[in-house]
Protein backbone atom coordinates (compact mmCIF):
# COMPACT_ATOMS: atom_id res chain seq x y z
CA MET A 1 24.28 1.50 -29.58
CA THR A 2 21.19 0.97 -31.93
CA THR A 3 18.26 2.67 -31.77
CA THR A 4 16.13 -0.36 -30.86
CA ASN A 5 18.58 -0.86 -27.66
CA VAL A 6 17.68 3.17 -26.70
CA ARG A 7 14.37 2.36 -27.24
CA ALA A 8 14.40 -0.61 -25.27
CA GLN A 9 15.87 0.58 -22.21
CA GLN A 10 13.65 3.90 -22.64
CA GLY A 11 10.83 1.29 -22.48
CA ARG A 12 12.14 -0.12 -19.45
CA TRP A 13 12.22 3.13 -17.65
CA ARG A 14 8.72 3.98 -18.64
CA VAL A 15 7.83 0.73 -16.66
CA LEU A 16 10.62 1.08 -13.49
CA MET A 17 9.32 4.41 -12.73
CA PRO A 18 6.05 3.92 -11.66
CA LEU A 19 6.79 0.73 -9.85
CA GLY A 20 9.56 2.48 -7.95
CA ALA A 21 7.01 4.99 -7.08
CA ALA A 22 4.34 2.63 -5.79
CA LEU A 23 7.38 0.63 -3.85
CA SER A 24 8.15 3.79 -2.27
CA LEU A 25 4.71 4.57 -1.07
CA THR A 26 4.63 1.14 0.54
CA VAL A 27 7.56 1.44 2.48
CA LEU A 28 6.69 5.30 3.57
CA ASP A 29 3.57 3.64 4.08
CA GLY A 30 4.44 1.07 6.73
CA THR A 31 7.66 3.81 7.88
CA SER A 32 5.29 5.94 9.24
CA LEU A 33 2.78 3.37 10.33
CA LEU A 34 5.19 2.23 12.92
CA THR A 35 6.52 5.21 13.90
CA ALA A 36 2.99 6.96 14.72
CA LEU A 37 2.15 3.57 16.67
CA PRO A 38 2.94 5.08 19.63
CA ALA A 39 0.88 8.09 19.42
CA THR A 40 -2.30 6.78 17.70
CA GLY A 41 -2.28 3.61 20.46
CA HIS A 42 -2.32 6.47 22.86
CA HIS A 43 -4.58 8.64 20.95
CA LEU A 44 -7.13 6.08 20.57
CA GLY A 45 -6.97 4.57 23.94
CA LEU A 46 -5.09 1.08 23.04
CA ARG A 47 -2.55 -0.45 25.02
CA GLY A 48 -0.29 -3.59 24.09
CA PRO A 49 -1.27 -6.01 21.72
CA ALA A 50 -3.94 -4.03 20.11
CA VAL A 51 -1.68 -1.79 19.37
CA GLN A 52 0.37 -4.52 17.41
CA TRP A 53 -3.04 -5.57 15.75
CA THR A 54 -2.80 -2.13 13.26
CA VAL A 55 0.54 -3.61 11.82
CA THR A 56 -0.68 -7.44 11.72
CA VAL A 57 -4.01 -6.81 10.32
CA GLN A 58 -2.24 -4.45 7.50
CA ALA A 59 0.56 -7.60 7.11
CA LEU A 60 -1.98 -10.53 6.72
CA ALA A 61 -4.40 -8.17 4.40
CA PHE A 62 -1.33 -7.51 2.02
CA GLY A 63 0.13 -10.71 2.08
CA GLY A 64 -3.39 -12.74 1.72
CA LEU A 65 -4.46 -10.42 -1.44
CA LEU A 66 -1.23 -10.25 -3.43
CA PRO A 67 -1.89 -13.27 -5.35
CA LEU A 68 -5.76 -12.74 -5.78
CA CYS A 69 -4.67 -9.38 -7.07
CA GLY A 70 -2.20 -10.41 -9.48
CA ARG A 71 -4.19 -13.20 -11.19
CA THR A 72 -7.07 -10.20 -11.41
CA ALA A 73 -4.33 -7.93 -13.17
CA ASP A 74 -3.41 -10.85 -15.46
CA LEU A 75 -7.24 -11.08 -16.73
CA LEU A 76 -8.25 -7.21 -16.29
CA GLY A 77 -4.90 -5.49 -17.27
CA ARG A 78 -1.99 -4.53 -15.24
CA ARG A 79 -1.99 -0.88 -15.96
CA ARG A 80 -5.88 -0.59 -15.23
CA MET A 81 -4.97 -2.69 -11.77
CA PHE A 82 -2.10 -0.65 -11.08
CA LEU A 83 -3.93 2.63 -11.57
CA ALA A 84 -6.91 1.29 -9.37
CA ALA A 85 -4.58 0.01 -6.58
CA ILE A 86 -2.90 3.58 -6.26
CA ALA A 87 -6.48 4.95 -5.77
CA LEU A 88 -7.53 2.91 -3.38
CA ARG A 89 -4.26 3.42 -1.56
CA VAL A 90 -5.15 7.04 -1.17
CA LEU A 91 -8.57 6.75 -0.46
CA ALA A 92 -7.29 4.27 2.31
CA SER A 93 -4.68 6.39 3.80
CA LEU A 94 -6.73 9.13 3.83
CA ALA A 95 -9.61 7.05 5.89
CA CYS A 96 -6.71 5.83 8.33
CA GLY A 97 -5.65 9.76 8.84
CA LEU A 98 -9.76 10.59 9.61
CA ALA A 99 -10.26 7.41 11.17
CA PRO A 100 -12.31 8.03 14.89
CA SER A 101 -11.99 4.57 16.64
CA VAL A 102 -9.87 1.93 16.82
CA GLN A 103 -11.94 0.00 14.36
CA ALA A 104 -11.99 2.33 11.65
CA LEU A 105 -8.16 2.43 11.54
CA VAL A 106 -8.17 -1.28 11.58
CA VAL A 107 -10.76 -1.86 8.55
CA SER A 108 -8.55 0.80 6.89
CA ARG A 109 -5.31 -0.64 7.29
CA VAL A 110 -6.87 -3.54 5.81
CA ARG A 111 -7.27 -2.01 2.36
């Protein structure tokens, strides 16, 4: 292998590692939500479709905001937007864990 090829492969890993970590965070977040949903619903007094709304709201917000966030990353810089998104995700997860009511939980799930 030439030096240029080695550097190119190292550059790919520098990009893939944070993206893999972010994808793992997204999957872990969804899995933990689905696992804790029955207990959360019971604790907050939710029944039936109201429990499902905590998942639905997150999926709708995620899918709806994805193109907008992609365009913003093109304009402001991918690294800056990636770091801002990770920080927002951490704060929103903290808000979900501390949510005192159903409304606070749903709003923090939208993030």
